[in-house]
Each structure stands twice: as C-alpha cells, then as structure tokens.
PDB file of N, CA and C in Angstrom:
ATOM      1  N   MET A   1       0.700  -0.849   0.079  1.00  0.00           N
ATOM      2  CA  MET A   1       0.403   0.017   0.328  1.00  0.00           C
ATOM      3  C   MET A   1       0.667   0.983  -0.190  1.00  0.00           C
ATOM      4  N   LYS A   2       1.025   2.005  -0.796  1.00  0.00           N
ATOM      5  CA  LYS A   2       1.266   3.596  -0.991  1.00  0.00           C
ATOM      6  C   LYS A   2       1.025   3.940   0.111  1.00  0.00           C
ATOM      7  N   LEU A   3       1.555   5.158   0.360  1.00  0.00           N
ATOM      8  CA  LEU A   3       1.618   5.770   1.469  1.00  0.00           C
ATOM      9  C   LEU A   3       1.634   7.707   1.189  1.00  0.00           C
ATOM     10  N   TYR A   4       0.782   8.973   1.417  1.00  0.00           N
ATOM     11  CA  TYR A   4       1.006  10.218   0.724  1.00  0.00           C
ATOM     12  C   TYR A   4       0.911  10.386   2.026  1.00  0.00           C
ATOM     13  N   GLU A   5       1.377  12.229   1.368  1.00  0.00           N
ATOM     14  CA  GLU A   5       1.367  12.862   1.910  1.00  0.00           C
ATOM     15  C   GLU A   5       0.773  14.095   1.277  1.00  0.00           C
ATOM     16  N   TRP A   6      -0.058  14.808   1.795  1.00  0.00           N
ATOM     17  CA  TRP A   6      -0.795  15.664   0.693  1.00  0.00           C
ATOM     18  C   TRP A   6      -0.514  17.784   1.036  1.00  0.00           C
ATOM     19  N   TYR A   7      -0.307  17.724  -0.147  1.00  0.00           N
ATOM     20  CA  TYR A   7      -0.239  19.176   0.302  1.00  0.00           C
ATOM     21  C   TYR A   7      -0.995  20.273  -0.969  1.00  0.00           C
ATOM     22  N   LYS A   8      -1.610  21.027  -0.257  1.00  0.00           N
ATOM     23  CA  LYS A   8      -2.362  22.191  -0.063  1.00  0.00           C
ATOM     24  C   LYS A   8      -1.679  22.830  -1.887  1.00  0.00           C
ATOM     25  N   VAL A   9      -2.168  22.811  -3.060  1.00  0.00           N
ATOM     26  CA  VAL A   9      -1.839  23.741  -4.152  1.00  0.00           C
ATOM     27  C   VAL A   9      -1.443  25.408  -3.817  1.00  0.00           C
ATOM     28  N   ALA A  10      -0.892  25.592  -3.579  1.00  0.00           N
ATOM     29  CA  ALA A  10      -0.970  26.226  -2.816  1.00  0.00           C
ATOM     30  C   ALA A  10      -1.436  28.063  -4.254  1.00  0.00           C
ATOM     31  N   GLY A  11      -2.715  28.864  -4.492  1.00  0.00           N
ATOM     32  CA  GLY A  11      -3.375  30.017  -4.999  1.00  0.00           C
ATOM     33  C   GLY A  11      -3.642  29.020  -6.091  1.00  0.00           C
ATOM     34  N   ILE A  12      -4.191  27.998  -5.811  1.00  0.00           N
ATOM     35  CA  ILE A  12      -5.190  27.092  -7.218  1.00  0.00           C
ATOM     36  C   ILE A  12      -6.487  26.490  -6.205  1.00  0.00           C
ATOM     37  N   SER A  13      -7.376  27.173  -6.826  1.00  0.00           N
ATOM     38  CA  SER A  13      -8.756  26.742  -6.029  1.00  0.00           C
ATOM     39  C   SER A  13      -9.787  26.057  -6.917  1.00  0.00           C
ATOM     40  N   PHE A  14      -9.790  24.762  -6.493  1.00  0.00           N
ATOM     41  CA  PHE A  14     -11.397  24.003  -7.720  1.00  0.00           C
ATOM     42  C   PHE A  14     -12.092  24.947  -8.306  1.00  0.00           C
ATOM     43  N   TRP A  15     -12.093  25.633  -7.625  1.00  0.00           N
ATOM     44  CA  TRP A  15     -13.282  26.389  -8.050  1.00  0.00           C
ATOM     45  C   TRP A  15     -12.875  28.076  -9.012  1.00  0.00           C
ATOM     46  N   ALA A  16     -11.607  28.344  -8.902  1.00  0.00           N
ATOM     47  CA  ALA A  16     -11.185  29.005  -9.862  1.00  0.00           C
ATOM     48  C   ALA A  16     -10.009  28.368 -11.058  1.00  0.00           C
ATOM     49  N   MET A  17     -10.108  27.573 -11.440  1.00  0.00           N
ATOM     50  CA  MET A  17      -9.123  26.145 -11.950  1.00  0.00           C
ATOM     51  C   MET A  17     -10.987  26.915 -13.639  1.00  0.00           C
ATOM     52  N   GLU A  18      -9.709  27.019 -15.202  1.00  0.00           N
ATOM     53  CA  GLU A  18     -10.470  27.579 -15.834  1.00  0.00           C
ATOM     54  C   GLU A  18     -10.709  25.503 -16.624  1.00  0.00           C
ATOM     55  N   GLU A  19     -11.456  25.490 -16.957  1.00  0.00           N
ATOM     56  CA  GLU A  19     -12.176  23.789 -17.385  1.00  0.00           C
ATOM     57  C   GLU A  19     -11.277  23.318 -18.862  1.00  0.00           C
ATOM     58  N   GLY A  20     -10.444  22.560 -18.796  1.00  0.00           N
ATOM     59  CA  GLY A  20      -9.557  21.858 -20.029  1.00  0.00           C
ATOM     60  C   GLY A  20      -8.079  23.207 -19.638  1.00  0.00           C
ATOM     61  N   LYS A  21      -7.737  23.945 -19.019  1.00  0.00           N
ATOM     62  CA  LYS A  21      -6.636  24.221 -18.865  1.00  0.00           C
ATOM     63  C   LYS A  21      -5.222  24.333 -18.689  1.00  0.00           C
ATOM     64  N   LEU A  22      -4.542  23.704 -18.755  1.00  0.00           N
ATOM     65  CA  LEU A  22      -3.336  22.974 -18.154  1.00  0.00           C
ATOM     66  C   LEU A  22      -2.458  24.524 -16.950  1.00  0.00           C
ATOM     67  N   VAL A  23      -2.350  24.224 -15.862  1.00  0.00           N
ATOM     68  CA  VAL A  23      -1.920  25.021 -15.145  1.00  0.00           C
ATOM     69  C   VAL A  23      -0.506  24.621 -14.188  1.00  0.00           C
ATOM     70  N   GLU A  24       0.745  25.383 -14.529  1.00  0.00           N
ATOM     71  CA  GLU A  24       1.386  24.051 -13.897  1.00  0.00           C
ATOM     72  C   GLU A  24       1.828  25.469 -12.447  1.00  0.00           C
ATOM     73  N   ALA A  25       1.885  23.956 -11.520  1.00  0.00           N
ATOM     74  CA  ALA A  25       2.520  24.838  -9.667  1.00  0.00           C
ATOM     75  C   ALA A  25       3.475  23.709  -9.194  1.00  0.00           C
ATOM     76  N   ASP A  26       3.975  25.189  -7.877  1.00  0.00           N
ATOM     77  CA  ASP A  26       5.418  23.770  -7.568  1.00  0.00           C
ATOM     78  C   ASP A  26       4.597  23.668  -6.225  1.00  0.00           C
ATOM     79  N   VAL A  27       4.506  21.751  -6.210  1.00  0.00           N
ATOM     80  CA  VAL A  27       3.643  20.906  -4.875  1.00  0.00           C
ATOM     81  C   VAL A  27       5.331  20.451  -4.476  1.00  0.00           C
ATOM     82  N   ALA A  28       5.355  21.123  -3.424  1.00  0.00           N
ATOM     83  CA  ALA A  28       6.634  20.429  -2.593  1.00  0.00           C
ATOM     84  C   ALA A  28       8.086  20.522  -3.201  1.00  0.00           C
ATOM     85  N   GLU A  29       8.180  21.415  -3.704  1.00  0.00           N
ATOM     86  CA  GLU A  29       9.275  21.795  -4.608  1.00  0.00           C
ATOM     87  C   GLU A  29       9.687  21.207  -6.260  1.00  0.00           C
ATOM     88  N   LYS A  30       8.537  20.595  -6.695  1.00  0.00           N
ATOM     89  CA  LYS A  30       7.955  19.786  -7.608  1.00  0.00           C
ATOM     90  C   LYS A  30       7.547  20.522  -8.714  1.00  0.00           C
ATOM     91  N   LYS A  31       7.503  20.555  -9.814  1.00  0.00           N
ATOM     92  CA  LYS A  31       6.902  20.884 -11.387  1.00  0.00           C
ATOM     93  C   LYS A  31       5.869  20.118 -10.778  1.00  0.00           C
ATOM     94  N   ILE A  32       3.995  20.391 -10.135  1.00  0.00           N
ATOM     95  CA  ILE A  32       2.912  19.904 -11.210  1.00  0.00           C
ATOM     96  C   ILE A  32       2.161  20.516 -11.767  1.00  0.00           C
ATOM     97  N   GLY A  33       2.201  19.665 -12.866  1.00  0.00           N
ATOM     98  CA  GLY A  33       1.068  19.562 -13.865  1.00  0.00           C
ATOM     99  C   GLY A  33      -0.847  20.105 -13.307  1.00  0.00           C
ATOM    100  N   LEU A  34      -1.600  20.505 -13.712  1.00  0.00           N
ATOM    101  CA  LEU A  34      -3.118  20.604 -12.728  1.00  0.00           C
ATOM    102  C   LEU A  34      -4.131  20.557 -14.624  1.00  0.00           C
ATOM    103  N   LEU A  35      -4.660  20.077 -14.490  1.00  0.00           N
ATOM    104  CA  LEU A  35      -5.611  19.842 -15.385  1.00  0.00           C
ATOM    105  C   LEU A  35      -6.855  19.782 -15.040  1.00  0.00           C
ATOM    106  N   LYS A  36      -8.825  20.815 -14.900  1.00  0.00           N
ATOM    107  CA  LYS A  36      -9.838  20.460 -14.692  1.00  0.00           C
ATOM    108  C   LYS A  36     -10.671  19.444 -15.877  1.00  0.00           C
ATOM    109  N   ARG A  37     -11.144  19.278 -15.456  1.00  0.00           N
ATOM    110  CA  ARG A  37     -12.571  17.812 -16.517  1.00  0.00           C
ATOM    111  C   ARG A  37     -12.725  17.510 -15.895  1.00  0.00           C
ATOM    112  N   GLY A  38     -14.288  18.722 -15.720  1.00  0.00           N
ATOM    113  CA  GLY A  38     -16.083  18.345 -15.142  1.00  0.00           C
ATOM    114  C   GLY A  38     -15.180  18.537 -13.479  1.00  0.00           C
ATOM    115  N   ASP A  39     -15.376  17.685 -11.945  1.00  0.00           N
ATOM    116  CA  ASP A  39     -15.984  17.296 -11.747  1.00  0.00           C
ATOM    117  C   ASP A  39     -14.173  16.831 -10.966  1.00  0.00           C
ATOM    118  N   THR A  40     -13.237  16.431 -11.665  1.00  0.00           N
ATOM    119  CA  THR A  40     -12.066  16.544 -11.220  1.00  0.00           C
ATOM    120  C   THR A  40     -11.246  17.216 -11.608  1.00  0.00           C
ATOM    121  N   VAL A  41     -10.255  16.683 -10.923  1.00  0.00           N
ATOM    122  CA  VAL A  41      -8.364  17.388 -11.259  1.00  0.00           C
ATOM    123  C   VAL A  41      -7.132  16.328 -11.346  1.00  0.00           C
ATOM    124  N   TYR A  42      -6.742  16.522 -12.441  1.00  0.00           N
ATOM    125  CA  TYR A  42      -5.968  15.463 -12.328  1.00  0.00           C
ATOM    126  C   TYR A  42      -4.082  16.038 -11.994  1.00  0.00           C
ATOM    127  N   ALA A  43      -4.167  15.581 -11.316  1.00  0.00           N
ATOM    128  CA  ALA A  43      -1.862  15.957 -11.502  1.00  0.00           C
ATOM    129  C   ALA A  43      -1.414  15.297 -11.777  1.00  0.00           C
ATOM    130  N   PHE A  44       0.336  15.633 -12.354  1.00  0.00           N
ATOM    131  CA  PHE A  44       1.160  15.365 -13.498  1.00  0.00           C
ATOM    132  C   PHE A  44       1.858  15.769 -13.482  1.00  0.00           C
ATOM    133  N   THR A  45       3.470  14.774 -13.385  1.00  0.00           N
ATOM    134  CA  THR A  45       4.503  15.741 -13.421  1.00  0.00           C
ATOM    135  C   THR A  45       4.551  16.466 -14.750  1.00  0.00           C
ATOM    136  N   ALA A  46       5.405  17.485 -14.175  1.00  0.00           N
ATOM    137  CA  ALA A  46       4.955  18.834 -15.063  1.00  0.00           C
ATOM    138  C   ALA A  46       6.046  18.943 -16.877  1.00  0.00           C
ATOM    139  N   ALA A  47       6.374  18.164 -17.333  1.00  0.00           N
ATOM    140  CA  ALA A  47       8.041  18.022 -17.756  1.00  0.00           C
ATOM    141  C   ALA A  47       7.271  16.895 -18.343  1.00  0.00           C
ATOM    142  N   CYS A  48       7.437  16.604 -20.055  1.00  0.00           N
ATOM    143  CA  CYS A  48       7.188  15.338 -20.817  1.00  0.00           C
ATOM    144  C   CYS A  48       8.414  14.314 -20.270  1.00  0.00           C
ATOM    145  N   PRO A  49       8.003  13.029 -20.267  1.00  0.00           N
ATOM    146  CA  PRO A  49       8.654  11.997 -20.108  1.00  0.00           C
ATOM    147  C   PRO A  49       9.319  11.673 -21.326  1.00  0.00           C
ATOM    148  N   HIS A  50       9.498  12.548 -23.017  1.00  0.00           N
ATOM    149  CA  HIS A  50      10.401  12.150 -23.211  1.00  0.00           C
ATOM    150  C   HIS A  50      11.234  13.092 -23.270  1.00  0.00           C
ATOM    151  N   ALA A  51      11.531  14.488 -23.711  1.00  0.00           N
ATOM    152  CA  ALA A  51      11.950  14.955 -23.972  1.00  0.00           C
ATOM    153  C   ALA A  51      12.497  16.679 -22.679  1.00  0.00           C
ATOM    154  N   GLY A  52      11.153  16.355 -22.055  1.00  0.00           N
ATOM    155  CA  GLY A  52      10.816  17.040 -21.083  1.00  0.00           C
ATOM    156  C   GLY A  52      10.280  18.650 -21.317  1.00  0.00           C
ATOM    157  N   ALA A  53      10.343  19.234 -22.103  1.00  0.00           N
ATOM    158  CA  ALA A  53       9.311  19.862 -22.254  1.00  0.00           C
ATOM    159  C   ALA A  53       8.549  20.035 -21.700  1.00  0.00           C
ATOM    160  N   ARG A  54       8.396  21.458 -21.122  1.00  0.00           N
ATOM    161  CA  ARG A  54       7.219  22.558 -20.150  1.00  0.00           C
ATOM    162  C   ARG A  54       5.464  21.579 -21.013  1.00  0.00           C
ATOM    163  N   LEU A  55       5.118  20.116 -20.265  1.00  0.00           N
ATOM    164  CA  LEU A  55       3.356  19.993 -20.769  1.00  0.00           C
ATOM    165  C   LEU A  55       2.197  20.793 -20.339  1.00  0.00           C
ATOM    166  N   CYS A  56       2.792  22.015 -19.228  1.00  0.00           N
ATOM    167  CA  CYS A  56       1.650  22.936 -19.057  1.00  0.00           C
ATOM    168  C   CYS A  56       1.674  24.092 -20.184  1.00  0.00           C
ATOM    169  N   ASP A  57       2.534  23.893 -21.270  1.00  0.00           N
ATOM    170  CA  ASP A  57       2.935  24.841 -22.775  1.00  0.00           C
ATOM    171  C   ASP A  57       2.462  24.226 -23.977  1.00  0.00           C
ATOM    172  N   GLY A  58       2.702  23.173 -23.819  1.00  0.00           N
ATOM    173  CA  GLY A  58       0.861  22.562 -24.704  1.00  0.00           C
ATOM    174  C   GLY A  58      -1.329  22.736 -24.412  1.00  0.00           C
ATOM    175  N   TRP A  59      -1.254  22.121 -24.871  1.00  0.00           N
ATOM    176  CA  TRP A  59      -2.682  22.007 -25.323  1.00  0.00           C
ATOM    177  C   TRP A  59      -3.613  20.541 -24.527  1.00  0.00           C
ATOM    178  N   VAL A  60      -4.539  20.702 -23.937  1.00  0.00           N
ATOM    179  CA  VAL A  60      -5.181  19.125 -23.893  1.00  0.00           C
ATOM    180  C   VAL A  60      -6.539  19.285 -25.592  1.00  0.00           C
ATOM    181  N   ASP A  61      -6.383  18.237 -26.215  1.00  0.00           N
ATOM    182  CA  ASP A  61      -7.164  17.656 -26.735  1.00  0.00           C
ATOM    183  C   ASP A  61      -8.683  17.601 -27.192  1.00  0.00           C
ATOM    184  N   ALA A  62      -9.480  17.159 -28.234  1.00  0.00           N
ATOM    185  CA  ALA A  62     -10.508  17.053 -28.295  1.00  0.00           C
ATOM    186  C   ALA A  62     -11.324  15.648 -27.203  1.00  0.00           C
ATOM    187  N   LEU A  63      -9.857  14.501 -27.542  1.00  0.00           N
ATOM    188  CA  LEU A  63     -10.905  14.045 -26.259  1.00  0.00           C
ATOM    189  C   LEU A  63     -10.099  14.058 -25.199  1.00  0.00           C
ATOM    190  N   GLY A  64      -9.680  15.232 -24.431  1.00  0.00           N
ATOM    191  CA  GLY A  64      -9.212  15.184 -22.767  1.00  0.00           C
ATOM    192  C   GLY A  64      -7.555  14.879 -23.112  1.00  0.00           C
ATOM    193  N   ARG A  65      -6.627  14.475 -24.322  1.00  0.00           N
ATOM    194  CA  ARG A  65      -5.320  14.448 -23.537  1.00  0.00           C
ATOM    195  C   ARG A  65      -4.630  15.418 -23.971  1.00  0.00           C
ATOM    196  N   ILE A  66      -3.424  15.549 -22.781  1.00  0.00           N
ATOM    197  CA  ILE A  66      -2.400  16.423 -22.831  1.00  0.00           C
ATOM    198  C   ILE A  66      -1.321  15.803 -24.284  1.00  0.00           C
ATOM    199  N   VAL A  67      -1.091  17.821 -25.046  1.00  0.00           N
ATOM    200  CA  VAL A  67      -0.726  17.177 -26.163  1.00  0.00           C
ATOM    201  C   VAL A  67       0.661  17.902 -25.934  1.00  0.00           C
ATOM    202  N   CYS A  68       1.710  17.155 -25.647  1.00  0.00           N
ATOM    203  CA  CYS A  68       2.943  17.982 -25.124  1.00  0.00           C
ATOM    204  C   CYS A  68       3.401  19.637 -26.138  1.00  0.00           C
ATOM    205  N   PRO A  69       3.632  20.038 -26.207  1.00  0.00           N
ATOM    206  CA  PRO A  69       4.590  21.198 -27.500  1.00  0.00           C
ATOM    207  C   PRO A  69       5.775  20.760 -28.217  1.00  0.00           C
ATOM    208  N   ASP A  70       6.575  20.497 -28.350  1.00  0.00           N
ATOM    209  CA  ASP A  70       7.030  20.034 -28.857  1.00  0.00           C
ATOM    210  C   ASP A  70       6.926  18.613 -29.931  1.00  0.00           C
ATOM    211  N   HIS A  71       6.611  17.405 -29.296  1.00  0.00           N
ATOM    212  CA  HIS A  71       6.619  16.435 -30.862  1.00  0.00           C
ATOM    213  C   HIS A  71       4.995  16.088 -30.780  1.00  0.00           C
ATOM    214  N   LYS A  72       3.983  16.745 -30.316  1.00  0.00           N
ATOM    215  CA  LYS A  72       3.056  16.421 -30.200  1.00  0.00           C
ATOM    216  C   LYS A  72       2.766  15.278 -29.736  1.00  0.00           C
ATOM    217  N   TYR A  73       3.279  14.955 -29.016  1.00  0.00           N
ATOM    218  CA  TYR A  73       3.421  13.180 -28.115  1.00  0.00           C
ATOM    219  C   TYR A  73       1.333  13.371 -27.078  1.00  0.00           C
ATOM    220  N   ARG A  74       1.123  12.713 -26.532  1.00  0.00           N
ATOM    221  CA  ARG A  74      -0.550  12.151 -25.844  1.00  0.00           C
ATOM    222  C   ARG A  74      -0.789  11.700 -25.014  1.00  0.00           C
ATOM    223  N   PHE A  75      -1.142  12.321 -24.097  1.00  0.00           N
ATOM    224  CA  PHE A  75      -0.805  12.020 -22.624  1.00  0.00           C
ATOM    225  C   PHE A  75      -2.267  11.651 -22.397  1.00  0.00           C
ATOM    226  N   ASP A  76      -2.729  10.780 -22.076  1.00  0.00           N
ATOM    227  CA  ASP A  76      -4.175  10.633 -20.761  1.00  0.00           C
ATOM    228  C   ASP A  76      -4.438  11.068 -19.189  1.00  0.00           C
ATOM    229  N   PRO A  77      -5.064  12.125 -19.175  1.00  0.00           N
ATOM    230  CA  PRO A  77      -4.117  12.470 -17.276  1.00  0.00           C
ATOM    231  C   PRO A  77      -4.657  11.070 -16.462  1.00  0.00           C
ATOM    232  N   VAL A  78      -5.191  10.632 -16.830  1.00  0.00           N
ATOM    233  CA  VAL A  78      -6.255   9.463 -15.859  1.00  0.00           C
ATOM    234  C   VAL A  78      -5.580   8.177 -15.770  1.00  0.00           C
ATOM    235  N   ASN A  79      -4.571   8.483 -16.384  1.00  0.00           N
ATOM    236  CA  ASN A  79      -3.300   6.993 -15.762  1.00  0.00           C
ATOM    237  C   ASN A  79      -2.085   7.533 -16.168  1.00  0.00           C
ATOM    238  N   GLY A  80      -1.630   8.909 -17.125  1.00  0.00           N
ATOM    239  CA  GLY A  80      -0.658   8.910 -18.160  1.00  0.00           C
ATOM    240  C   GLY A  80      -0.522   8.519 -18.995  1.00  0.00           C
ATOM    241  N   ARG A  81      -0.884   7.167 -19.373  1.00  0.00           N
ATOM    242  CA  ARG A  81      -0.424   6.756 -20.557  1.00  0.00           C
ATOM    243  C   ARG A  81      -0.155   7.357 -22.005  1.00  0.00           C
ATOM    244  N   ASN A  82       1.050   6.895 -22.647  1.00  0.00           N
ATOM    245  CA  ASN A  82       1.052   7.372 -23.535  1.00  0.00           C
ATOM    246  C   ASN A  82      -0.053   7.239 -24.605  1.00  0.00           C
ATOM    247  N   THR A  83      -0.631   8.167 -25.037  1.00  0.00           N
ATOM    248  CA  THR A  83      -1.764   7.130 -26.499  1.00  0.00           C
ATOM    249  C   THR A  83      -1.865   7.467 -28.389  1.00  0.00           C
ATOM    250  N   THR A  84      -0.461   7.968 -28.296  1.00  0.00           N
ATOM    251  CA  THR A  84       0.426   8.179 -29.877  1.00  0.00           C
ATOM    252  C   THR A  84       1.123   6.816 -29.652  1.00  0.00           C
ATOM    253  N   GLY A  85       1.515   5.947 -28.621  1.00  0.00           N
ATOM    254  CA  GLY A  85       1.994   4.685 -29.280  1.00  0.00           C
ATOM    255  C   GLY A  85       3.781   5.065 -28.947  1.00  0.00           C
ATOM    256  N   GLU A  86       4.021   6.180 -28.157  1.00  0.00           N
ATOM    257  CA  GLU A  86       5.778   6.694 -28.256  1.00  0.00           C
ATOM    258  C   GLU A  86       6.191   5.306 -27.285  1.00  0.00           C
ATOM    259  N   GLY A  87       5.059   4.652 -26.240  1.00  0.00           N
ATOM    260  CA  GLY A  87       6.363   4.110 -25.119  1.00  0.00           C
ATOM    261  C   GLY A  87       5.952   5.082 -24.009  1.00  0.00           C
ATOM    262  N   TYR A  88       6.195   5.963 -23.911  1.00  0.00           N
ATOM    263  CA  TYR A  88       6.569   6.699 -22.748  1.00  0.00           C
ATOM    264  C   TYR A  88       5.359   7.185 -21.847  1.00  0.00           C
ATOM    265  N   LYS A  89       5.576   7.288 -20.593  1.00  0.00           N
ATOM    266  CA  LYS A  89       4.163   6.316 -19.631  1.00  0.00           C
ATOM    267  C   LYS A  89       4.781   7.974 -18.394  1.00  0.00           C
ATOM    268  N   LEU A  90       3.539   9.666 -18.216  1.00  0.00           N
ATOM    269  CA  LEU A  90       3.586  10.151 -17.410  1.00  0.00           C
ATOM    270  C   LEU A  90       3.160  10.174 -16.282  1.00  0.00           C
ATOM    271  N   PHE A  91       3.616  10.471 -15.522  1.00  0.00           N
ATOM    272  CA  PHE A  91       3.490  10.033 -14.289  1.00  0.00           C
ATOM    273  C   PHE A  91       2.993  11.105 -13.262  1.00  0.00           C
ATOM    274  N   THR A  92       2.176  10.015 -13.048  1.00  0.00           N
ATOM    275  CA  THR A  92      -0.428  11.280 -12.573  1.00  0.00           C
ATOM    276  C   THR A  92       0.198  11.019 -10.583  1.00  0.00           C
ATOM    277  N   TYR A  93      -0.470  11.573  -9.824  1.00  0.00           N
ATOM    278  CA  TYR A  93      -0.377  11.851  -9.197  1.00  0.00           C
ATOM    279  C   TYR A  93      -1.859  11.280  -8.507  1.00  0.00           C
ATOM    280  N   PRO A  94      -1.924  11.226  -6.942  1.00  0.00           N
ATOM    281  CA  PRO A  94      -3.508  11.351  -6.791  1.00  0.00           C
ATOM    282  C   PRO A  94      -3.570  12.874  -6.253  1.00  0.00           C
ATOM    283  N   VAL A  95      -5.110  12.843  -6.248  1.00  0.00           N
ATOM    284  CA  VAL A  95      -5.758  14.940  -5.638  1.00  0.00           C
ATOM    285  C   VAL A  95      -6.458  14.861  -4.837  1.00  0.00           C
ATOM    286  N   GLU A  96      -6.999  15.548  -4.229  1.00  0.00           N
ATOM    287  CA  GLU A  96      -8.083  14.970  -3.356  1.00  0.00           C
ATOM    288  C   GLU A  96      -8.599  16.281  -3.100  1.00  0.00           C
ATOM    289  N   LEU A  97      -9.601  16.899  -3.590  1.00  0.00           N
ATOM    290  CA  LEU A  97     -10.219  18.085  -3.219  1.00  0.00           C
ATOM    291  C   LEU A  97     -10.923  18.209  -1.915  1.00  0.00           C
ATOM    292  N   ARG A  98     -11.188  19.191  -0.883  1.00  0.00           N
ATOM    293  CA  ARG A  98     -11.313  19.749   0.612  1.00  0.00           C
ATOM    294  C   ARG A  98     -11.405  20.648   0.115  1.00  0.00           C
ATOM    295  N   GLU A  99     -13.063  20.997   0.414  1.00  0.00           N
ATOM    296  CA  GLU A  99     -13.421  22.713   0.545  1.00  0.00           C
ATOM    297  C   GLU A  99     -12.809  23.375  -0.425  1.00  0.00           C
ATOM    298  N   GLY A 100     -12.584  22.404  -1.808  1.00  0.00           N
ATOM    299  CA  GLY A 100     -12.405  23.767  -2.604  1.00  0.00           C
ATOM    300  C   GLY A 100     -11.536  23.938  -2.844  1.00  0.00           C
ATOM    301  N   GLU A 101     -10.461  23.006  -2.439  1.00  0.00           N
ATOM    302  CA  GLU A 101      -8.727  23.488  -2.065  1.00  0.00           C
ATOM    303  C   GLU A 101      -7.843  22.352  -3.068  1.00  0.00           C
ATOM    304  N   VAL A 102      -7.354  22.327  -3.595  1.00  0.00           N
ATOM    305  CA  VAL A 102      -7.056  21.121  -4.265  1.00  0.00           C
ATOM    306  C   VAL A 102      -5.690  20.683  -3.442  1.00  0.00           C
ATOM    307  N   TYR A 103      -5.687  19.185  -3.321  1.00  0.00           N
ATOM    308  CA  TYR A 103      -4.362  18.494  -2.328  1.00  0.00           C
ATOM    309  C   TYR A 103      -4.364  17.156  -3.244  1.00  0.00           C
ATOM    310  N   VAL A 104      -2.317  17.996  -3.367  1.00  0.00           N
ATOM    311  CA  VAL A 104      -1.629  16.222  -4.278  1.00  0.00           C
ATOM    312  C   VAL A 104      -1.185  15.475  -3.568  1.00  0.00           C
ATOM    313  N   GLY A 105      -1.213  14.764  -3.488  1.00  0.00           N
ATOM    314  CA  GLY A 105      -0.272  13.447  -3.066  1.00  0.00           C
ATOM    315  C   GLY A 105       0.605  13.219  -3.084  1.00  0.00           C
ATOM    316  N   LEU A 106       1.832  13.327  -2.829  1.00  0.00           N
ATOM    317  CA  LEU A 106       3.605  13.235  -2.874  1.00  0.00           C
ATOM    318  C   LEU A 106       3.330  11.446  -2.302  1.00  0.00           C
ATOM    319  N   ILE A 107       3.949  10.313  -2.554  1.00  0.00           N
ATOM    320  CA  ILE A 107       4.719   9.231  -2.185  1.00  0.00           C
ATOM    321  C   ILE A 107       5.573   9.419  -1.231  1.00  0.00           C
ATOM    322  N   VAL A 108       5.326   8.559   0.317  1.00  0.00           N
ATOM    323  CA  VAL A 108       6.134   9.043   0.746  1.00  0.00           C
ATOM    324  C   VAL A 108       7.041   8.298   1.444  1.00  0.00           C
ATOM    325  N   ASN A 109       8.771   8.298   0.417  1.00  0.00           N
ATOM    326  CA  ASN A 109       9.731   6.952   1.272  1.00  0.00           C
ATOM    327  C   ASN A 109       9.238   6.880   2.875  1.00  0.00           C
ATOM    328  N   PRO A 110       9.834   4.878   1.827  1.00  0.00           N
ATOM    329  CA  PRO A 110      10.437   4.364   3.563  1.00  0.00           C
ATOM    330  C   PRO A 110      11.375   3.901   4.348  1.00  0.00           C
TER     331      PRO A 110
END
C-alpha cells in the first residue's frame, strides 16, 4: 500500500480553475501540472517524459488528452498512458479536493 503526504496547492482552488486549461504549480519543490475536467482535477509531472518539454505550454485535445508542445505526444491525464504509441508514460499523482482547495499526494519514502 502506498503512503502519501498531502500538500495543498498554493494559490489554486478548484472553483478558480478553468475547464480544460493546463496549469503548472510548485508542490513540495516539484513542478506539477494540473488539469480540471468536469468535477475532477488531475495532477501529473509537468515535464514531458520524452524530452522534458513543459507540458503546461501544450494544450488539451478534443479527447481530453494532454498534448506535448514539442513533439505532439499525447497523454491520458487519468493514468499517464501515452496514447500516440511512443511508449512513454507520464507520472500522475493522486488529487483530493477539500472544501474547494486542491491537494496533491506525494509518495512518502519508506
């Protein structure tokens, strides 16, 4: 079982987030990307696993996938799976919404 330490994302609330807009935030000295889709917020590593491009400089396509601005690789924000077949996986983080505030869970090292 994974243990998480939960961090409030400073300056970002669920209600202020724009639907389908990528946002980068600093969480415990990590660059984390955030995406609001419906009633859910997804969190992921802000750098593309292929060449390190800033994913929040990209966009969200019509199917809700995160598109890398450099090479147009596409990632499912739910599980980080690369949907264009290159084999890269985007690391994702669990998210909790608490009274409209966004919290991201980072794995606690044993």
